[in-house]
């Protein structure tokens, strides 16, 4: 009986039911996509740094988890001291330059030989390695997003570059230029933002880091594996608060829509509630009917929201190939639970109001 009652109530006002389900779907999609976007960007950034192939990173002091261009690059001659360490196989100095035109990214200024010794070299889809001071390499995803091909000119930092190669993504940056040229453009002659260190064997990482701390006490020394583990929203200042705020906003949307839907439903069906009470329905039965109806709306919204999340992600990835949105079963489940809690809270007052109605007064309601 309860199931049939709920189904008929939902089908009685199909447009209102559709809008309620759509609102819950938007709530779920917002939670899944916001968390997926932040997690995806951080995870993808960490994987690209890991993809360089280094075991240890040397950075300036007081550097946060996200590696960005810093205002105090290090002297490149530090490389010579690092190469003298017992278990160091190769050292690649890199100058980072932040680029916000056509997207947000770090451009790597590299030396071909040292970067190849650490990373194992690029996998080329088109073209060849950098040979001249104005040559530029771009990864396949950036090439697709910017519609750039080998042989074209590409303007970056008010400088015209020759695109000579399209490489496989996953080795630190999406754009690579000669270190010396970027140093001149950035006014950082003989400077580097980061040193990637390759050990003779991975198990020598701790020994190398200990030696580095002894000779370079004023710098940040971080194992690449440690860096990867740090790339979560909880370790990025302000980011976790932003995610929590967006989730709270999504919950408010769902709660208010459910409240409005069920409140208007109760007002509209006052006489129906009176009939139910006249037939012997007690207050708990009325409360369950309202809560079950809101739960049914919520379940429909959750399934629609998961589908909407994947649809929106597919659209974004098609439009922005360099974007990364990570949708996980864990957060789908969390988003569903958040939506259910919001629906129950939103329907609680209308359910209580319905249960309090007097049968005689409800029957005479017009």
Protein backbone atom coordinates (compact mmCIF):
# COMPACT_ATOMS: atom_id res chain seq x y z
CA UNK A 1 0.00 0.00 0.00
CA UNK A 2 2.76 2.45 0.95
CA UNK A 3 4.64 1.84 -2.29
CA UNK A 4 1.57 2.40 -4.44
CA UNK A 5 0.70 5.56 -2.49
CA UNK A 6 4.20 7.00 -3.02
CA UNK A 7 4.24 6.11 -6.73
CA UNK A 8 0.88 7.77 -7.34
CA UNK A 9 1.91 10.86 -5.41
CA UNK A 10 5.10 11.20 -7.48
CA UNK A 11 3.27 10.68 -10.78
CA UNK A 12 0.48 13.08 -9.85
CA UNK A 13 2.75 16.10 -10.46
CA UNK A 14 5.37 14.84 -12.95
CA UNK A 15 6.93 18.26 -13.61
CA UNK A 16 7.44 18.91 -9.90
CA UNK A 17 8.83 15.40 -9.45
CA UNK A 18 11.22 15.94 -12.37
CA UNK A 19 12.44 19.26 -10.96
CA UNK A 20 13.00 17.67 -7.54
CA UNK A 21 15.00 14.82 -9.06
CA UNK A 22 16.96 17.28 -11.20
CA UNK A 23 17.85 19.41 -8.16
CA UNK A 24 19.16 16.36 -6.28
CA UNK A 25 21.07 15.33 -9.41
CA UNK A 26 22.73 18.74 -9.57
CA UNK A 27 23.62 18.47 -5.87
CA UNK A 28 25.22 15.04 -6.34
CA UNK A 29 27.00 16.10 -9.55
CA UNK A 30 28.40 19.22 -7.87
CA UNK A 31 29.89 17.20 -5.03
CA UNK A 32 31.31 14.50 -7.31
CA UNK A 33 32.72 16.95 -9.88
CA UNK A 34 34.21 19.46 -7.44
CA UNK A 35 36.00 16.74 -5.49
CA UNK A 36 36.87 14.95 -8.74
CA UNK A 37 38.36 18.10 -10.25
CA UNK A 38 40.54 18.94 -7.25
CA UNK A 39 41.62 15.31 -6.75
CA UNK A 40 42.19 14.83 -10.47
CA UNK A 41 44.38 17.90 -10.85
CA UNK A 42 46.47 17.06 -7.78
CA UNK A 43 46.81 13.38 -8.70
CA UNK A 44 47.68 14.16 -12.31
CA UNK A 45 50.25 16.78 -11.25
CA UNK A 46 51.86 14.31 -8.84
CA UNK A 47 51.98 11.60 -11.52
CA UNK A 48 53.68 13.95 -13.98
CA UNK A 49 56.35 14.86 -11.42
CA UNK A 50 56.79 11.16 -10.64
CA UNK A 51 57.00 10.52 -14.38
CA UNK A 52 60.20 12.56 -14.61
CA UNK A 53 61.92 9.49 -13.16
CA UNK A 54 63.86 11.20 -10.38
CA UNK A 55 64.22 9.83 -6.87
CA UNK A 56 64.87 13.09 -5.01
CA UNK A 57 63.98 16.75 -5.54
CA UNK A 58 65.96 19.73 -4.27
CA UNK A 59 63.93 22.92 -3.83
CA UNK A 60 64.37 26.28 -2.12
CA UNK A 61 63.41 26.50 1.54
CA UNK A 62 59.77 26.97 2.61
CA UNK A 63 58.27 25.44 -0.51
CA UNK A 64 54.74 24.07 -0.22
CA UNK A 65 53.41 20.83 -1.71
CA UNK A 66 52.60 22.37 -5.10
CA UNK A 67 55.71 23.08 -7.15
CA UNK A 68 55.37 26.48 -8.78
CA UNK A 69 57.65 29.21 -10.01
CA UNK A 70 59.43 30.69 -7.01
CA UNK A 71 60.95 34.10 -6.50
CA UNK A 72 64.28 32.76 -5.25
CA UNK A 73 65.70 30.28 -7.77
CA UNK A 74 68.82 28.42 -6.76
CA UNK A 75 72.35 28.75 -8.25
CA UNK A 76 72.79 26.16 -10.97
CA UNK A 77 76.32 25.42 -9.73
CA UNK A 78 74.70 23.39 -6.94
CA UNK A 79 74.50 20.61 -9.52
CA UNK A 80 78.27 20.10 -9.33
CA UNK A 81 78.10 19.49 -5.59
CA UNK A 82 75.23 17.04 -6.04
CA UNK A 83 77.09 15.07 -8.70
CA UNK A 84 79.96 14.53 -6.24
CA UNK A 85 77.71 12.56 -3.88
CA UNK A 86 78.32 8.82 -3.73
CA UNK A 87 75.04 7.41 -5.00
CA UNK A 88 73.96 10.19 -7.38
CA UNK A 89 73.71 9.05 -10.99
CA UNK A 90 72.37 12.19 -12.69
CA UNK A 91 71.12 15.69 -11.85
CA UNK A 92 68.74 17.73 -14.02
CA UNK A 93 68.33 21.45 -13.20
CA UNK A 94 64.95 22.85 -14.26
CA UNK A 95 63.73 26.44 -14.31
CA UNK A 96 59.97 26.78 -13.85
CA UNK A 97 58.04 29.63 -15.36
CA UNK A 98 54.32 30.10 -14.69
CA UNK A 99 52.16 30.58 -17.79
CA UNK A 100 48.52 31.67 -17.57
CA UNK A 101 47.83 32.41 -21.24
CA UNK A 102 45.48 29.80 -22.70
CA UNK A 103 45.50 27.84 -19.45
CA UNK A 104 47.40 27.55 -16.18
CA UNK A 105 50.63 25.59 -16.36
CA UNK A 106 54.30 25.48 -15.44
CA UNK A 107 56.74 25.60 -18.34
CA UNK A 108 59.95 23.64 -17.84
CA UNK A 109 63.25 25.10 -18.95
CA UNK A 110 65.52 22.04 -19.34
CA UNK A 111 68.90 20.89 -20.60
CA UNK A 112 68.41 18.09 -23.11
CA UNK A 113 71.19 15.82 -21.91
CA UNK A 114 70.73 16.09 -18.13
CA UNK A 115 66.94 15.78 -18.36
CA UNK A 116 67.33 12.73 -20.59
CA UNK A 117 69.73 11.11 -18.11
CA UNK A 118 67.18 11.49 -15.30
CA UNK A 119 63.95 10.80 -17.21
CA UNK A 120 65.12 8.34 -19.86
CA UNK A 121 64.17 10.76 -22.63
CA UNK A 122 60.92 11.66 -24.37
CA UNK A 123 58.68 9.47 -26.47
CA UNK A 124 58.03 11.46 -29.64
CA UNK A 125 54.70 11.42 -31.44
CA UNK A 126 55.95 13.91 -34.03
CA UNK A 127 59.15 15.79 -34.81
CA UNK A 128 62.46 15.68 -32.94
CA UNK A 129 64.25 16.94 -29.84
CA UNK A 130 65.19 20.57 -29.24
CA UNK A 131 68.27 21.67 -31.15
CA UNK A 132 68.12 25.46 -31.27
CA UNK A 133 67.64 28.14 -28.58
CA UNK A 134 64.09 28.90 -29.74
CA UNK A 135 62.87 25.32 -30.06
CA UNK A 136 59.90 24.10 -28.03
CA UNK A 137 58.47 20.70 -27.15
CA UNK A 138 54.82 20.19 -26.27
CA UNK A 139 53.08 17.09 -24.97
CA UNK A 140 50.28 15.42 -26.95
CA UNK A 141 47.45 16.63 -24.69
CA UNK A 142 48.58 20.27 -24.77
CA UNK A 143 49.05 20.01 -28.54
CA UNK A 144 45.47 18.80 -28.90
CA UNK A 145 44.08 21.45 -26.54
CA UNK A 146 45.96 24.32 -28.19
CA UNK A 147 45.67 22.89 -31.72
CA UNK A 148 49.43 23.20 -32.22
CA UNK A 149 51.50 21.00 -34.54
CA UNK A 150 55.15 20.51 -35.43
CA UNK A 151 56.48 23.26 -37.68
CA UNK A 152 54.22 25.98 -36.28
CA UNK A 153 55.23 29.07 -34.34
CA UNK A 154 54.01 29.38 -30.77
CA UNK A 155 54.10 32.64 -28.79
CA UNK A 156 54.95 32.26 -25.12
CA UNK A 157 56.35 34.84 -22.67
CA UNK A 158 56.30 37.42 -25.50
CA UNK A 159 58.72 35.23 -27.43
CA UNK A 160 58.18 33.25 -30.62
CA UNK A 161 59.13 29.59 -30.39
CA UNK A 162 59.48 26.91 -33.04
CA UNK A 163 57.43 23.83 -32.20
CA UNK A 164 59.82 21.01 -33.15
CA UNK A 165 58.31 18.03 -31.32
CA UNK A 166 55.13 16.59 -29.85
CA UNK A 167 55.92 14.18 -27.00
CA UNK A 168 54.05 11.71 -24.82
CA UNK A 169 52.53 13.38 -21.77
CA UNK A 170 53.58 12.53 -18.23
CA UNK A 171 57.11 13.93 -17.73
CA UNK A 172 56.69 16.92 -15.45
CA UNK A 173 55.39 19.68 -17.66
CA UNK A 174 53.33 19.99 -20.83
CA UNK A 175 55.71 22.50 -22.44
CA UNK A 176 59.51 22.32 -22.52
CA UNK A 177 61.99 24.95 -23.73
CA UNK A 178 65.79 25.28 -23.54
CA UNK A 179 66.97 26.18 -20.05
CA UNK A 180 69.39 28.92 -21.20
CA UNK A 181 66.73 30.73 -23.24
CA UNK A 182 64.18 30.65 -20.41
CA UNK A 183 66.84 31.90 -17.99
CA UNK A 184 67.45 34.93 -20.23
CA UNK A 185 63.71 35.63 -20.62
CA UNK A 186 63.08 35.31 -16.88
CA UNK A 187 66.17 37.27 -15.83
CA UNK A 188 67.45 34.22 -13.94
CA UNK A 189 70.87 33.64 -15.48
CA UNK A 190 72.58 30.52 -14.11
CA UNK A 191 69.57 29.80 -11.87
CA UNK A 192 67.25 26.80 -11.44
CA UNK A 193 63.94 26.41 -9.62
CA UNK A 194 64.33 22.71 -8.91
CA UNK A 195 66.92 19.94 -9.22
CA UNK A 196 65.77 16.43 -10.09
CA UNK A 197 68.22 13.84 -8.76
CA UNK A 198 68.47 10.27 -10.02
CA UNK A 199 70.12 7.80 -7.66
CA UNK A 200 72.21 4.84 -8.81
CA UNK A 201 69.59 2.60 -7.20
CA UNK A 202 66.19 3.52 -5.66
CA UNK A 203 67.20 2.01 -2.31
CA UNK A 204 69.97 4.61 -2.06
CA UNK A 205 67.44 7.45 -1.85
CA UNK A 206 67.63 7.83 1.93
CA UNK A 207 71.45 7.84 1.86
CA UNK A 208 71.50 10.52 -0.83
CA UNK A 209 68.99 12.66 1.05
CA UNK A 210 71.06 12.39 4.25
CA UNK A 211 74.19 13.56 2.41
CA UNK A 212 72.27 16.39 0.75
CA UNK A 213 70.97 17.61 4.11
CA UNK A 214 74.52 17.69 5.42
CA UNK A 215 75.89 19.88 2.60
CA UNK A 216 72.72 21.88 1.82
CA UNK A 217 71.00 22.48 5.17
CA UNK A 218 69.04 25.55 4.04
CA UNK A 219 67.16 23.86 1.20
CA UNK A 220 64.07 21.67 0.98
CA UNK A 221 64.95 18.07 0.15
CA UNK A 222 62.06 15.79 -0.69
CA UNK A 223 61.78 12.24 -1.98
CA UNK A 224 59.55 12.03 -5.04
CA UNK A 225 57.47 9.27 -3.42
CA UNK A 226 56.90 11.54 -0.42
CA UNK A 227 55.85 14.37 -2.72
CA UNK A 228 53.28 12.16 -4.44
CA UNK A 229 51.76 11.21 -1.08
CA UNK A 230 51.49 14.90 -0.11
CA UNK A 231 49.39 15.83 -3.13
CA UNK A 232 45.98 15.76 -1.50
CA UNK A 233 43.50 18.57 -0.85
CA UNK A 234 44.07 18.31 2.91
CA UNK A 235 47.73 19.30 2.43
CA UNK A 236 47.05 22.30 0.21
CA UNK A 237 46.35 25.48 2.23
CA UNK A 238 42.80 26.72 1.65
CA UNK A 239 41.87 24.04 -0.86
CA UNK A 240 40.23 21.71 1.64
CA UNK A 241 38.18 24.63 3.01
CA UNK A 242 37.08 25.49 -0.54
CA UNK A 243 35.96 21.91 -1.22
CA UNK A 244 34.04 21.81 2.08
CA UNK A 245 32.35 25.12 1.25
CA UNK A 246 31.27 23.88 -2.19
CA UNK A 247 29.91 20.65 -0.69
CA UNK A 248 27.97 22.67 1.92
CA UNK A 249 26.52 24.81 -0.87
CA UNK A 250 25.43 21.71 -2.79
CA UNK A 251 23.80 20.28 0.36
CA UNK A 252 21.89 23.54 0.90
CA UNK A 253 20.56 23.37 -2.67
CA UNK A 254 19.27 19.83 -2.18
CA UNK A 255 17.85 20.50 1.30
CA UNK A 256 15.95 23.62 0.23
CA UNK A 257 14.52 22.01 -2.90
CA UNK A 258 13.32 18.94 -0.98
CA UNK A 259 11.87 21.18 1.74
CA UNK A 260 9.99 23.30 -0.79
CA UNK A 261 8.78 20.27 -2.76
CA UNK A 262 7.49 18.38 0.26
CA UNK A 263 6.07 21.49 1.94
CA UNK A 264 3.96 22.36 -1.13
CA UNK A 265 3.03 18.69 -1.46
CA UNK A 266 1.71 18.58 2.11
CA UNK A 267 -0.27 21.81 1.65
CA UNK A 268 -1.73 20.58 -1.63
CA UNK A 269 -2.73 17.20 -0.17
CA UNK A 270 -4.24 18.43 3.08
CA UNK A 271 -7.62 16.87 2.26
CA UNK A 272 -5.90 13.60 1.22
CA UNK A 273 -4.15 13.50 4.58
CA UNK A 274 -7.53 14.05 6.24
CA UNK A 275 -8.97 11.10 4.30
CA UNK A 276 -6.06 8.88 5.35
CA UNK A 277 -6.50 9.85 8.99
CA UNK A 278 -10.27 9.27 8.76
CA UNK A 279 -9.52 5.78 7.45
CA UNK A 280 -7.33 5.06 10.47
CA UNK A 281 -3.85 6.19 9.40
CA UNK A 282 -1.89 7.36 12.44
CA UNK A 283 0.76 10.09 12.67
CA UNK A 284 3.78 7.75 12.21
CA UNK A 285 2.20 6.43 8.98
CA UNK A 286 1.83 9.98 7.63
CA UNK A 287 5.43 10.82 8.59
CA UNK A 288 6.73 7.67 6.89
CA UNK A 289 4.73 8.44 3.75
CA UNK A 290 6.28 11.92 3.43
CA UNK A 291 9.82 10.74 4.27
CA UNK A 292 9.60 7.74 1.91
CA UNK A 293 8.41 10.01 -0.89
CA UNK A 294 11.34 12.38 -0.35
CA UNK A 295 13.71 9.37 -0.19
CA UNK A 296 12.32 8.13 -3.53
CA UNK A 297 12.96 11.55 -5.06
CA UNK A 298 16.45 11.46 -3.58
CA UNK A 299 17.28 8.00 -4.97
CA UNK A 300 16.16 9.08 -8.42
CA UNK A 301 18.29 12.20 -8.09
CA UNK A 302 21.34 10.21 -6.98
CA UNK A 303 21.24 7.93 -10.03
CA UNK A 304 20.60 10.91 -12.30
CA UNK A 305 23.43 12.83 -10.60
CA UNK A 306 25.97 10.06 -11.17
CA UNK A 307 25.01 9.93 -14.84
CA UNK A 308 25.17 13.73 -15.06
CA UNK A 309 28.66 13.68 -13.48
CA UNK A 310 30.04 11.33 -16.14
CA UNK A 311 28.29 13.29 -18.89
CA UNK A 312 29.69 16.62 -17.72
CA UNK A 313 33.17 15.11 -17.27
CA UNK A 314 33.11 13.74 -20.81
CA UNK A 315 32.12 17.18 -22.11
CA UNK A 316 34.87 18.94 -20.18
CA UNK A 317 37.55 16.46 -21.23
CA UNK A 318 36.53 16.83 -24.86
CA UNK A 319 36.70 20.62 -24.63
CA UNK A 320 39.80 20.71 -22.39
CA UNK A 321 42.01 17.63 -23.01
CA UNK A 322 44.57 18.70 -20.39
CA UNK A 323 41.95 18.75 -17.63
CA UNK A 324 41.77 15.84 -15.20
CA UNK A 325 38.56 14.92 -13.30
CA UNK A 326 38.84 11.87 -11.08
CA UNK A 327 35.48 10.26 -10.25
CA UNK A 328 35.80 7.57 -7.59
CA UNK A 329 33.24 5.09 -6.14
CA UNK A 330 34.10 6.40 -2.67
CA UNK A 331 32.94 9.93 -3.47
CA UNK A 332 29.91 8.73 -5.42
CA UNK A 333 28.86 6.90 -2.26
CA UNK A 334 29.62 9.93 -0.08
CA UNK A 335 27.69 12.25 -2.40
CA UNK A 336 24.73 9.85 -2.25
CA UNK A 337 24.82 9.78 1.55
CA UNK A 338 25.06 13.58 1.67
CA UNK A 339 22.02 13.85 -0.60
CA UNK A 340 20.01 11.37 1.51
CA UNK A 341 20.82 13.21 4.75
CA UNK A 342 19.86 16.51 3.13
CA UNK A 343 16.60 15.03 1.82
CA UNK A 344 15.63 13.65 5.25
CA UNK A 345 16.39 17.00 6.91
CA UNK A 346 14.52 18.90 4.22
CA UNK A 347 11.43 16.67 4.53
CA UNK A 348 11.38 16.49 8.35
CA UNK A 349 9.37 19.65 8.97
CA UNK A 350 6.78 19.01 6.22
CA UNK A 351 6.39 15.44 7.56
CA UNK A 352 5.88 16.70 11.10
CA UNK A 353 3.42 19.34 9.86
CA UNK A 354 1.43 16.67 7.97
CA UNK A 355 1.28 14.39 11.01
CA UNK A 356 -0.10 17.22 13.17
CA UNK A 357 -3.08 17.98 10.94
CA UNK A 358 -6.50 17.36 12.46
CA UNK A 359 -8.61 14.95 10.39
CA UNK A 360 -11.79 17.06 10.54
CA UNK A 361 -10.01 20.31 9.69
CA UNK A 362 -8.09 18.60 6.89
CA UNK A 363 -11.30 17.24 5.35
CA UNK A 364 -12.86 20.73 5.29
CA UNK A 365 -9.71 22.33 3.82
CA UNK A 366 -10.28 24.02 0.46
